[in-house]
């Protein structure tokens, strides 16, 4: 039986996807850890979403976040996230927005369980984006990964509105 624990991180180091050892306190580990947190919150949003199309969309996003985490946890690799992923997020935002009333006021989170978790996901994704910007100030990152996070926060906002408004 394979064990979950390896003891290799007991001294504050971890391995990147490309096998380099780095501090668990590094900006890179912080960035992909925050993306992982966003993935978990999106999972909670999916569990509580009222609409099957939203659940399906979130599931696809979660799969893409694994690609994003691999990008951030890798050095000197071509990105898994592509400009087409970003464009696809824009298309999804546009599709859901067609069903929504024009936005003319600030929204207060909490109308439904699904929309509430999507609002939390949005804020975690924004934090992940800020982590990526801090990382980009110190190390090389793929700009497409940062653009992806920016659009993903917009999509989480749109999905939260959809969950709250569409009956």
C-alpha atoms as a PDB file:
ATOM      1  CA  UNK A   1       0.000   0.000   0.000  1.00  0.00           C
ATOM      2  CA  UNK A   2       1.333   3.426  -0.976  1.00  0.00           C
ATOM      3  CA  UNK A   3       1.525   5.872   1.895  1.00  0.00           C
ATOM      4  CA  UNK A   4       0.211   9.422   1.673  1.00  0.00           C
ATOM      5  CA  UNK A   5       3.079  10.826   3.696  1.00  0.00           C
ATOM      6  CA  UNK A   6       6.637  10.959   2.389  1.00  0.00           C
ATOM      7  CA  UNK A   7       8.401  12.939   5.136  1.00  0.00           C
ATOM      8  CA  UNK A   8      10.327  14.767   2.371  1.00  0.00           C
ATOM      9  CA  UNK A   9       8.764  18.098   3.357  1.00  0.00           C
ATOM     10  CA  UNK A  10       9.453  17.915   7.064  1.00  0.00           C
ATOM     11  CA  UNK A  11      12.275  20.440   6.835  1.00  0.00           C
ATOM     12  CA  UNK A  12      10.350  23.098   4.929  1.00  0.00           C
ATOM     13  CA  UNK A  13      11.174  22.061   1.367  1.00  0.00           C
ATOM     14  CA  UNK A  14       8.903  20.656  -1.331  1.00  0.00           C
ATOM     15  CA  UNK A  15       9.355  19.405  -4.874  1.00  0.00           C
ATOM     16  CA  UNK A  16       7.984  21.242  -7.856  1.00  0.00           C
ATOM     17  CA  UNK A  17       6.284  19.285 -10.617  1.00  0.00           C
ATOM     18  CA  UNK A  18       9.597  19.461 -12.509  1.00  0.00           C
ATOM     19  CA  UNK A  19      11.439  18.003  -9.461  1.00  0.00           C
ATOM     20  CA  UNK A  20      13.309  21.098  -8.264  1.00  0.00           C
ATOM     21  CA  UNK A  21      13.285  21.496  -4.483  1.00  0.00           C
ATOM     22  CA  UNK A  22      12.042  24.844  -3.160  1.00  0.00           C
ATOM     23  CA  UNK A  23      11.018  26.350   0.148  1.00  0.00           C
ATOM     24  CA  UNK A  24       7.415  25.740   1.145  1.00  0.00           C
ATOM     25  CA  UNK A  25       7.357  29.466   1.875  1.00  0.00           C
ATOM     26  CA  UNK A  26       8.308  30.439  -1.684  1.00  0.00           C
ATOM     27  CA  UNK A  27       6.126  32.719  -3.770  1.00  0.00           C
ATOM     28  CA  UNK A  28       5.711  29.918  -6.311  1.00  0.00           C
ATOM     29  CA  UNK A  29       4.359  27.470  -3.733  1.00  0.00           C
ATOM     30  CA  UNK A  30       2.106  30.231  -2.356  1.00  0.00           C
ATOM     31  CA  UNK A  31       0.749  30.883  -5.852  1.00  0.00           C
ATOM     32  CA  UNK A  32      -0.074  27.295  -6.796  1.00  0.00           C
ATOM     33  CA  UNK A  33      -1.337  26.634  -3.283  1.00  0.00           C
ATOM     34  CA  UNK A  34      -3.798  29.493  -3.650  1.00  0.00           C
ATOM     35  CA  UNK A  35      -4.945  28.115  -7.015  1.00  0.00           C
ATOM     36  CA  UNK A  36      -5.458  24.786  -5.237  1.00  0.00           C
ATOM     37  CA  UNK A  37      -7.559  26.574  -2.626  1.00  0.00           C
ATOM     38  CA  UNK A  38      -9.648  28.141  -5.410  1.00  0.00           C
ATOM     39  CA  UNK A  39     -10.180  24.676  -6.872  1.00  0.00           C
ATOM     40  CA  UNK A  40     -11.465  23.431  -3.511  1.00  0.00           C
ATOM     41  CA  UNK A  41     -13.860  26.351  -3.105  1.00  0.00           C
ATOM     42  CA  UNK A  42     -15.102  25.799  -6.654  1.00  0.00           C
ATOM     43  CA  UNK A  43     -15.780  22.203  -5.648  1.00  0.00           C
ATOM     44  CA  UNK A  44     -17.953  23.450  -2.791  1.00  0.00           C
ATOM     45  CA  UNK A  45     -19.724  25.808  -5.202  1.00  0.00           C
ATOM     46  CA  UNK A  46     -20.349  22.892  -7.570  1.00  0.00           C
ATOM     47  CA  UNK A  47     -21.786  20.804  -4.717  1.00  0.00           C
ATOM     48  CA  UNK A  48     -24.270  23.556  -3.832  1.00  0.00           C
ATOM     49  CA  UNK A  49     -25.042  24.953  -7.297  1.00  0.00           C
ATOM     50  CA  UNK A  50     -28.715  24.804  -8.224  1.00  0.00           C
ATOM     51  CA  UNK A  51     -28.186  24.684 -11.992  1.00  0.00           C
ATOM     52  CA  UNK A  52     -26.759  21.666 -13.810  1.00  0.00           C
ATOM     53  CA  UNK A  53     -25.110  23.861 -16.460  1.00  0.00           C
ATOM     54  CA  UNK A  54     -23.277  25.763 -13.717  1.00  0.00           C
ATOM     55  CA  UNK A  55     -22.163  22.486 -12.131  1.00  0.00           C
ATOM     56  CA  UNK A  56     -20.839  21.310 -15.506  1.00  0.00           C
ATOM     57  CA  UNK A  57     -19.038  24.588 -16.119  1.00  0.00           C
ATOM     58  CA  UNK A  58     -17.422  24.516 -12.682  1.00  0.00           C
ATOM     59  CA  UNK A  59     -16.282  20.918 -13.169  1.00  0.00           C
ATOM     60  CA  UNK A  60     -14.538  21.870 -16.421  1.00  0.00           C
ATOM     61  CA  UNK A  61     -12.900  24.821 -14.687  1.00  0.00           C
ATOM     62  CA  UNK A  62     -11.621  22.549 -11.941  1.00  0.00           C
ATOM     63  CA  UNK A  63      -9.989  20.321 -14.549  1.00  0.00           C
ATOM     64  CA  UNK A  64      -8.317  23.371 -16.114  1.00  0.00           C
ATOM     65  CA  UNK A  65      -7.057  24.522 -12.731  1.00  0.00           C
ATOM     66  CA  UNK A  66      -4.967  21.355 -12.556  1.00  0.00           C
ATOM     67  CA  UNK A  67      -3.294  22.480 -15.782  1.00  0.00           C
ATOM     68  CA  UNK A  68      -2.723  25.899 -14.272  1.00  0.00           C
ATOM     69  CA  UNK A  69      -1.251  24.442 -11.088  1.00  0.00           C
ATOM     70  CA  UNK A  70       1.108  22.325 -13.192  1.00  0.00           C
ATOM     71  CA  UNK A  71       2.222  25.493 -14.992  1.00  0.00           C
ATOM     72  CA  UNK A  72       2.959  27.326 -11.760  1.00  0.00           C
ATOM     73  CA  UNK A  73       4.630  24.288 -10.161  1.00  0.00           C
ATOM     74  CA  UNK A  74       6.964  23.818 -13.132  1.00  0.00           C
ATOM     75  CA  UNK A  75      10.109  25.602 -14.206  1.00  0.00           C
ATOM     76  CA  UNK A  76      11.275  26.030 -17.802  1.00  0.00           C
ATOM     77  CA  UNK A  77       8.235  24.324 -19.329  1.00  0.00           C
ATOM     78  CA  UNK A  78       5.808  25.487 -21.986  1.00  0.00           C
ATOM     79  CA  UNK A  79       2.452  26.440 -20.448  1.00  0.00           C
ATOM     80  CA  UNK A  80      -0.471  24.050 -20.404  1.00  0.00           C
ATOM     81  CA  UNK A  81      -2.870  26.985 -20.288  1.00  0.00           C
ATOM     82  CA  UNK A  82      -3.122  28.616 -23.697  1.00  0.00           C
ATOM     83  CA  UNK A  83      -4.615  31.843 -25.038  1.00  0.00           C
ATOM     84  CA  UNK A  84      -7.495  29.666 -26.267  1.00  0.00           C
ATOM     85  CA  UNK A  85      -8.313  28.775 -22.649  1.00  0.00           C
ATOM     86  CA  UNK A  86      -8.583  32.499 -21.875  1.00  0.00           C
ATOM     87  CA  UNK A  87     -10.741  33.129 -24.941  1.00  0.00           C
ATOM     88  CA  UNK A  88     -12.965  30.212 -23.955  1.00  0.00           C
ATOM     89  CA  UNK A  89     -13.526  31.752 -20.517  1.00  0.00           C
ATOM     90  CA  UNK A  90     -14.577  34.983 -22.237  1.00  0.00           C
ATOM     91  CA  UNK A  91     -17.071  33.066 -24.387  1.00  0.00           C
ATOM     92  CA  UNK A  92     -18.518  31.321 -21.339  1.00  0.00           C
ATOM     93  CA  UNK A  93     -18.859  34.659 -19.522  1.00  0.00           C
ATOM     94  CA  UNK A  94     -20.681  36.095 -22.553  1.00  0.00           C
ATOM     95  CA  UNK A  95     -23.037  33.103 -22.767  1.00  0.00           C
ATOM     96  CA  UNK A  96     -24.079  33.313 -19.120  1.00  0.00           C
ATOM     97  CA  UNK A  97     -24.330  37.116 -19.233  1.00  0.00           C
ATOM     98  CA  UNK A  98     -26.963  36.876 -21.987  1.00  0.00           C
ATOM     99  CA  UNK A  99     -29.351  35.383 -19.393  1.00  0.00           C
ATOM    100  CA  UNK A 100     -28.772  38.126 -16.827  1.00  0.00           C
ATOM    101  CA  UNK A 101     -30.311  41.538 -16.309  1.00  0.00           C
ATOM    102  CA  UNK A 102     -27.964  44.486 -16.869  1.00  0.00           C
ATOM    103  CA  UNK A 103     -25.893  45.162 -13.769  1.00  0.00           C
ATOM    104  CA  UNK A 104     -26.720  48.581 -12.327  1.00  0.00           C
ATOM    105  CA  UNK A 105     -25.783  48.205  -8.654  1.00  0.00           C
ATOM    106  CA  UNK A 106     -23.257  46.572  -6.352  1.00  0.00           C
ATOM    107  CA  UNK A 107     -24.113  43.033  -5.312  1.00  0.00           C
ATOM    108  CA  UNK A 108     -24.035  41.736  -1.772  1.00  0.00           C
ATOM    109  CA  UNK A 109     -23.014  38.056  -1.632  1.00  0.00           C
ATOM    110  CA  UNK A 110     -25.307  35.543   0.018  1.00  0.00           C
ATOM    111  CA  UNK A 111     -28.470  35.184  -2.040  1.00  0.00           C
ATOM    112  CA  UNK A 112     -28.082  31.406  -2.436  1.00  0.00           C
ATOM    113  CA  UNK A 113     -25.637  28.781  -1.226  1.00  0.00           C
ATOM    114  CA  UNK A 114     -24.277  28.221  -4.729  1.00  0.00           C
ATOM    115  CA  UNK A 115     -23.821  31.926  -5.436  1.00  0.00           C
ATOM    116  CA  UNK A 116     -22.208  32.427  -2.030  1.00  0.00           C
ATOM    117  CA  UNK A 117     -19.566  29.773  -2.662  1.00  0.00           C
ATOM    118  CA  UNK A 118     -18.951  31.225  -6.130  1.00  0.00           C
ATOM    119  CA  UNK A 119     -18.377  34.617  -4.521  1.00  0.00           C
ATOM    120  CA  UNK A 120     -15.839  33.050  -2.162  1.00  0.00           C
ATOM    121  CA  UNK A 121     -14.226  31.326  -5.152  1.00  0.00           C
ATOM    122  CA  UNK A 122     -14.038  34.682  -6.948  1.00  0.00           C
ATOM    123  CA  UNK A 123     -12.217  36.286  -4.034  1.00  0.00           C
ATOM    124  CA  UNK A 124      -9.804  33.344  -3.709  1.00  0.00           C
ATOM    125  CA  UNK A 125      -9.100  33.463  -7.460  1.00  0.00           C
ATOM    126  CA  UNK A 126      -8.356  37.174  -7.155  1.00  0.00           C
ATOM    127  CA  UNK A 127      -5.934  36.392  -4.334  1.00  0.00           C
ATOM    128  CA  UNK A 128      -4.322  33.745  -6.541  1.00  0.00           C
ATOM    129  CA  UNK A 129      -3.914  36.360  -9.255  1.00  0.00           C
ATOM    130  CA  UNK A 130      -2.239  38.734  -6.774  1.00  0.00           C
ATOM    131  CA  UNK A 131       0.075  35.895  -5.727  1.00  0.00           C
ATOM    132  CA  UNK A 132       0.969  35.325  -9.370  1.00  0.00           C
ATOM    133  CA  UNK A 133       1.758  39.021  -9.850  1.00  0.00           C
ATOM    134  CA  UNK A 134       4.073  38.947  -6.812  1.00  0.00           C
ATOM    135  CA  UNK A 135       5.724  35.830  -8.208  1.00  0.00           C
ATOM    136  CA  UNK A 136       6.101  37.499 -11.618  1.00  0.00           C
ATOM    137  CA  UNK A 137       8.023  40.344  -9.957  1.00  0.00           C
ATOM    138  CA  UNK A 138      10.619  37.822  -8.735  1.00  0.00           C
ATOM    139  CA  UNK A 139      10.575  34.931 -11.212  1.00  0.00           C
ATOM    140  CA  UNK A 140       9.425  34.002 -14.685  1.00  0.00           C
ATOM    141  CA  UNK A 141       5.758  33.113 -15.014  1.00  0.00           C
ATOM    142  CA  UNK A 142       3.582  32.584 -18.049  1.00  0.00           C
ATOM    143  CA  UNK A 143       1.554  35.722 -18.641  1.00  0.00           C
ATOM    144  CA  UNK A 144      -1.265  33.585 -20.050  1.00  0.00           C
ATOM    145  CA  UNK A 145      -1.651  32.002 -16.600  1.00  0.00           C
ATOM    146  CA  UNK A 146      -2.215  35.425 -15.033  1.00  0.00           C
ATOM    147  CA  UNK A 147      -4.707  36.375 -17.752  1.00  0.00           C
ATOM    148  CA  UNK A 148      -6.510  33.080 -17.151  1.00  0.00           C
ATOM    149  CA  UNK A 149      -6.907  33.879 -13.440  1.00  0.00           C
ATOM    150  CA  UNK A 150      -8.175  37.355 -14.248  1.00  0.00           C
ATOM    151  CA  UNK A 151     -10.893  35.964 -16.525  1.00  0.00           C
ATOM    152  CA  UNK A 152     -11.667  33.168 -14.093  1.00  0.00           C
ATOM    153  CA  UNK A 153     -12.519  35.690 -11.370  1.00  0.00           C
ATOM    154  CA  UNK A 154     -14.853  37.414 -13.847  1.00  0.00           C
ATOM    155  CA  UNK A 155     -16.457  34.071 -14.644  1.00  0.00           C
ATOM    156  CA  UNK A 156     -16.933  33.242 -10.955  1.00  0.00           C
ATOM    157  CA  UNK A 157     -18.671  36.612 -10.536  1.00  0.00           C
ATOM    158  CA  UNK A 158     -20.893  35.889 -13.536  1.00  0.00           C
ATOM    159  CA  UNK A 159     -21.732  32.376 -12.357  1.00  0.00           C
ATOM    160  CA  UNK A 160     -22.592  33.723  -8.887  1.00  0.00           C
ATOM    161  CA  UNK A 161     -24.994  36.209 -10.486  1.00  0.00           C
ATOM    162  CA  UNK A 162     -26.502  33.425 -12.604  1.00  0.00           C
ATOM    163  CA  UNK A 163     -27.009  31.197  -9.564  1.00  0.00           C
ATOM    164  CA  UNK A 164     -28.666  34.052  -7.662  1.00  0.00           C
ATOM    165  CA  UNK A 165     -30.844  35.463 -10.471  1.00  0.00           C
ATOM    166  CA  UNK A 166     -31.922  32.608 -12.751  1.00  0.00           C
ATOM    167  CA  UNK A 167     -34.763  30.522 -11.401  1.00  0.00           C
END
